[in-house]
Each structure stands twice: as structure tokens, then as C-alpha cells.
N, C-alpha and C. Protein backbone atom coordinates (compact mmCIF):
# COMPACT_ATOMS: atom_id res chain seq x y z
N UNK A 1 -3.22 15.04 -17.85
CA UNK A 1 -1.38 14.89 -17.93
C UNK A 1 -1.69 14.89 -15.90
N UNK A 2 -2.24 15.96 -15.57
CA UNK A 2 -2.44 16.31 -14.01
C UNK A 2 -3.83 15.42 -13.28
N UNK A 3 -4.46 15.07 -14.47
CA UNK A 3 -5.30 14.75 -14.07
C UNK A 3 -5.45 12.84 -14.09
N UNK A 4 -4.92 12.21 -14.94
CA UNK A 4 -4.24 11.46 -14.64
C UNK A 4 -3.12 10.48 -13.80
N UNK A 5 -2.50 11.51 -13.40
CA UNK A 5 -1.26 11.58 -11.83
C UNK A 5 -2.42 11.96 -10.62
N UNK A 6 -3.25 11.82 -11.32
CA UNK A 6 -4.35 12.45 -9.85
C UNK A 6 -5.21 11.07 -9.40
N UNK A 7 -5.22 10.36 -10.26
CA UNK A 7 -6.26 9.30 -9.91
C UNK A 7 -5.22 8.09 -10.03
N UNK A 8 -4.18 8.08 -10.19
CA UNK A 8 -3.32 7.22 -10.15
C UNK A 8 -2.63 7.33 -8.67
N UNK A 9 -2.57 8.57 -8.28
CA UNK A 9 -2.39 8.81 -6.82
C UNK A 9 -3.22 8.83 -5.51
N UNK A 10 -4.52 8.61 -6.01
CA UNK A 10 -5.45 8.89 -5.38
C UNK A 10 -5.55 6.81 -5.04
N UNK A 11 -5.59 6.35 -6.03
CA UNK A 11 -5.28 4.39 -6.41
C UNK A 11 -4.18 4.28 -5.40
N UNK A 12 -3.13 4.43 -5.41
CA UNK A 12 -1.98 4.38 -4.64
C UNK A 12 -1.82 4.74 -3.00
N UNK A 13 -3.26 5.64 -2.72
CA UNK A 13 -3.30 6.27 -1.17
C UNK A 13 -4.30 5.63 -0.94
N UNK A 14 -5.55 5.11 -1.47
CA UNK A 14 -6.10 3.71 -0.67
C UNK A 14 -5.84 2.37 -0.61
N UNK A 15 -5.05 1.57 -1.49
CA UNK A 15 -4.11 0.78 -2.05
C UNK A 15 -3.40 0.61 -0.87
N UNK A 16 -1.94 2.22 -0.22
CA UNK A 16 -1.30 2.15 0.97
C UNK A 16 -2.07 1.96 2.09
N UNK A 17 -3.20 2.65 2.61
CA UNK A 17 -3.45 2.02 3.56
C UNK A 17 -4.04 0.56 3.92
N UNK A 18 -4.78 0.05 2.75
CA UNK A 18 -5.27 -1.52 2.46
C UNK A 18 -3.73 -2.07 3.79
N UNK A 19 -3.09 -1.92 2.59
CA UNK A 19 -1.69 -2.67 2.76
C UNK A 19 -0.88 -2.85 4.13
N UNK A 20 -0.79 -1.16 3.94
CA UNK A 20 -0.82 -1.11 6.28
C UNK A 20 -1.66 -1.69 7.12
N UNK A 21 -2.26 -1.57 6.68
CA UNK A 21 -3.63 -2.15 7.33
C UNK A 21 -3.80 -3.45 6.92
N UNK A 22 -3.01 -4.47 6.38
CA UNK A 22 -2.86 -5.74 6.71
C UNK A 22 -1.63 -6.28 6.96
N UNK A 23 -0.33 -5.34 7.53
CA UNK A 23 0.36 -5.38 8.39
C UNK A 23 0.15 -6.71 9.69
N UNK A 24 1.19 -7.53 9.88
CA UNK A 24 0.43 -8.22 11.49
C UNK A 24 1.87 -7.28 12.64
N UNK A 25 0.65 -6.69 13.27
CA UNK A 25 1.35 -6.35 14.67
C UNK A 25 1.50 -4.66 14.11
N UNK A 26 1.04 -3.99 12.54
CA UNK A 26 0.99 -2.86 12.05
C UNK A 26 -0.06 -2.69 12.13
N UNK A 27 -0.72 -1.21 11.76
CA UNK A 27 -1.85 -0.33 11.52
C UNK A 27 -2.66 -0.58 12.54
N UNK A 28 -4.20 -0.67 11.95
CA UNK A 28 -5.12 -1.68 12.36
C UNK A 28 -5.62 -3.30 12.62
N UNK A 29 -4.55 -3.85 12.46
CA UNK A 29 -4.72 -4.78 13.20
C UNK A 29 -5.82 -6.11 12.00
N UNK A 30 -5.97 -5.21 10.78
CA UNK A 30 -7.13 -5.97 9.79
C UNK A 30 -6.71 -7.60 9.82
N UNK A 31 -5.20 -7.84 9.91
CA UNK A 31 -5.11 -9.22 9.54
C UNK A 31 -6.11 -9.96 10.49
N UNK A 32 -5.97 -9.37 12.02
CA UNK A 32 -6.93 -10.41 12.17
C UNK A 32 -8.04 -10.21 12.98
N UNK A 33 -8.38 -9.65 12.41
CA UNK A 33 -9.91 -9.07 12.60
C UNK A 33 -10.71 -9.97 12.53
N UNK A 34 -10.21 -11.35 11.74
CA UNK A 34 -11.49 -12.16 11.17
C UNK A 34 -10.58 -13.80 11.28
N UNK A 35 -10.56 -13.23 13.22
CA UNK A 35 -9.97 -15.02 13.77
C UNK A 35 -8.76 -15.65 12.87
N UNK A 36 -6.94 -15.55 13.07
CA UNK A 36 -6.29 -15.81 12.62
C UNK A 36 -5.29 -15.00 11.93
N UNK A 37 -5.73 -14.16 10.95
CA UNK A 37 -5.78 -13.11 10.07
C UNK A 37 -5.22 -14.37 8.83
N UNK A 38 -4.63 -12.93 7.58
CA UNK A 38 -4.54 -13.24 6.51
C UNK A 38 -3.69 -14.45 6.10
N UNK A 39 -2.81 -13.53 6.94
CA UNK A 39 -1.36 -14.68 6.92
C UNK A 39 -1.70 -15.96 6.81
N UNK A 40 -2.21 -17.12 7.86
CA UNK A 40 -2.27 -18.16 8.48
C UNK A 40 -3.06 -18.72 7.29
N UNK A 41 -3.94 -18.57 6.43
CA UNK A 41 -4.93 -18.12 5.87
C UNK A 41 -4.13 -18.78 4.13
N UNK A 42 -3.61 -18.30 4.05
CA UNK A 42 -2.54 -18.13 2.60
C UNK A 42 -1.38 -19.29 2.86
N UNK A 43 -1.19 -19.74 4.03
CA UNK A 43 0.44 -20.28 4.32
C UNK A 43 1.33 -20.07 4.72
N UNK A 44 2.62 -20.07 4.10
CA UNK A 44 3.52 -19.62 5.17
C UNK A 44 4.35 -18.32 5.59
N UNK A 45 3.75 -18.01 6.92
CA UNK A 45 2.99 -17.06 6.97
C UNK A 45 4.37 -15.83 6.73
N UNK A 46 5.98 -15.86 7.05
CA UNK A 46 7.29 -15.48 6.44
C UNK A 46 6.74 -15.29 5.18
N UNK A 47 7.10 -16.00 4.47
CA UNK A 47 6.42 -15.63 2.59
C UNK A 47 5.89 -14.89 2.82
N UNK A 48 4.84 -14.09 3.33
CA UNK A 48 2.92 -14.02 3.27
C UNK A 48 3.71 -12.41 3.69
N UNK A 49 4.19 -12.48 4.15
CA UNK A 49 5.47 -10.88 5.26
C UNK A 49 6.37 -10.63 4.23
N UNK A 50 7.04 -11.65 3.80
CA UNK A 50 7.73 -10.88 2.82
C UNK A 50 7.54 -9.99 1.32
N UNK A 51 6.54 -11.11 0.71
CA UNK A 51 6.25 -10.46 -0.36
C UNK A 51 4.93 -9.29 -0.13
N UNK A 52 4.49 -8.99 1.06
CA UNK A 52 3.72 -7.66 1.75
C UNK A 52 4.34 -7.16 1.88
N UNK A 53 5.25 -6.65 2.32
CA UNK A 53 6.27 -5.73 2.46
C UNK A 53 6.80 -5.03 1.16
N UNK A 54 7.60 -6.04 0.07
CA UNK A 54 7.78 -5.82 -0.89
C UNK A 54 6.38 -5.00 -2.23
N UNK A 55 5.22 -4.84 -1.59
CA UNK A 55 4.37 -4.93 -2.82
C UNK A 55 4.05 -3.26 -1.63
N UNK A 56 4.51 -3.46 -0.20
CA UNK A 56 4.12 -2.08 0.17
C UNK A 56 5.14 -1.39 -0.54
N UNK A 57 6.39 -1.42 -0.61
CA UNK A 57 7.63 -0.49 -0.23
C UNK A 57 7.34 0.31 -2.26
N UNK A 58 7.36 -0.73 -2.59
CA UNK A 58 6.56 -0.52 -4.38
C UNK A 58 5.53 0.39 -4.70
N UNK A 59 4.57 0.17 -3.80
CA UNK A 59 3.24 0.88 -3.54
C UNK A 59 3.46 2.78 -3.01
N UNK A 60 4.30 2.49 -1.62
CA UNK A 60 5.15 2.92 -1.45
C UNK A 60 5.86 5.02 -2.33
N UNK A 61 6.55 3.66 -3.40
CA UNK A 61 7.67 4.72 -3.98
C UNK A 61 6.92 4.98 -5.18
N UNK A 62 5.92 4.15 -5.75
CA UNK A 62 4.65 5.05 -6.62
C UNK A 62 4.11 6.15 -5.96
N UNK A 63 3.51 5.96 -4.82
CA UNK A 63 2.90 7.03 -4.12
C UNK A 63 3.47 8.26 -3.50
N UNK A 64 4.71 8.05 -3.83
CA UNK A 64 5.75 9.12 -3.55
C UNK A 64 6.38 10.52 -4.64
N UNK A 65 6.52 8.85 -5.93
CA UNK A 65 6.73 9.62 -7.74
C UNK A 65 5.65 10.22 -7.79
N UNK A 66 4.70 10.06 -7.20
CA UNK A 66 3.25 11.33 -7.63
C UNK A 66 3.61 12.57 -7.07
N UNK A 67 3.67 11.41 -6.33
CA UNK A 67 3.26 13.20 -5.54
C UNK A 67 4.13 14.05 -5.63
N UNK A 68 5.34 13.88 -6.06
CA UNK A 68 6.68 14.41 -6.81
C UNK A 68 6.02 15.39 -8.75
N UNK A 69 5.80 14.54 -9.09
CA UNK A 69 4.93 14.24 -10.90
C UNK A 69 4.38 15.56 -10.41
N UNK A 70 3.27 15.43 -9.48
CA UNK A 70 2.26 15.88 -9.43
C UNK A 70 2.49 17.37 -9.05
N UNK A 71 3.29 17.58 -7.44
CA UNK A 71 3.75 19.02 -7.70
C UNK A 71 4.66 19.49 -8.94
N UNK A 72 5.28 19.07 -9.49
CA UNK A 72 6.26 19.65 -11.24
C UNK A 72 4.70 20.00 -11.63
N UNK A 73 4.27 19.11 -12.17
CA UNK A 73 3.18 19.99 -12.88
C UNK A 73 2.25 20.60 -12.57
N UNK A 74 2.16 21.05 -11.77
CA UNK A 74 1.43 21.90 -10.54
C UNK A 74 1.91 23.30 -11.22
N UNK A 75 3.27 23.34 -10.50
CA UNK A 75 4.23 24.26 -10.33
C UNK A 75 3.98 24.97 -12.02
N UNK A 76 3.98 24.58 -12.98
CA UNK A 76 4.24 24.85 -14.84
C UNK A 76 3.14 25.74 -14.83
């Protein structure tokens, strides 16, 4: 069980880094790296940014729950 939660934690950590970098005006500006950004190539930027925010929040919640679960499993 600990190994499974650890794997999910590693995957969500990497995904969180990527999602934060994709946010326009936040992170490292990965969205502007390829001349215009990801949002301009995917259509309406407001819809894309809203969905990106939702995915980032969901991934952050999963990441936080993995940390709590791993702490509880390691203390037993």
C-alpha cells in the first residue's frame, strides 16, 4: 500500500510541476516558451485557463491526500 501511494505521489508531484509551469504569468512561463504559448494554440484562452485551474486544483488535492495517507501509513 505504501509503495502504491508513493508512486501516485511521485506522479502527482511531476504533474503539479508541469501544470504550474503551464499557467500564464505564473511559474516559469512555459506557456510562452514556444512563441505565443499553449493557450493561443488551443483556442479560447479563458476556457483553457479555467480548465487548467481546475485540473491544477484537483491534482493539488490528490497530491495533498497522498501525503496525508503516506504519513498515516508510515506511522502505523
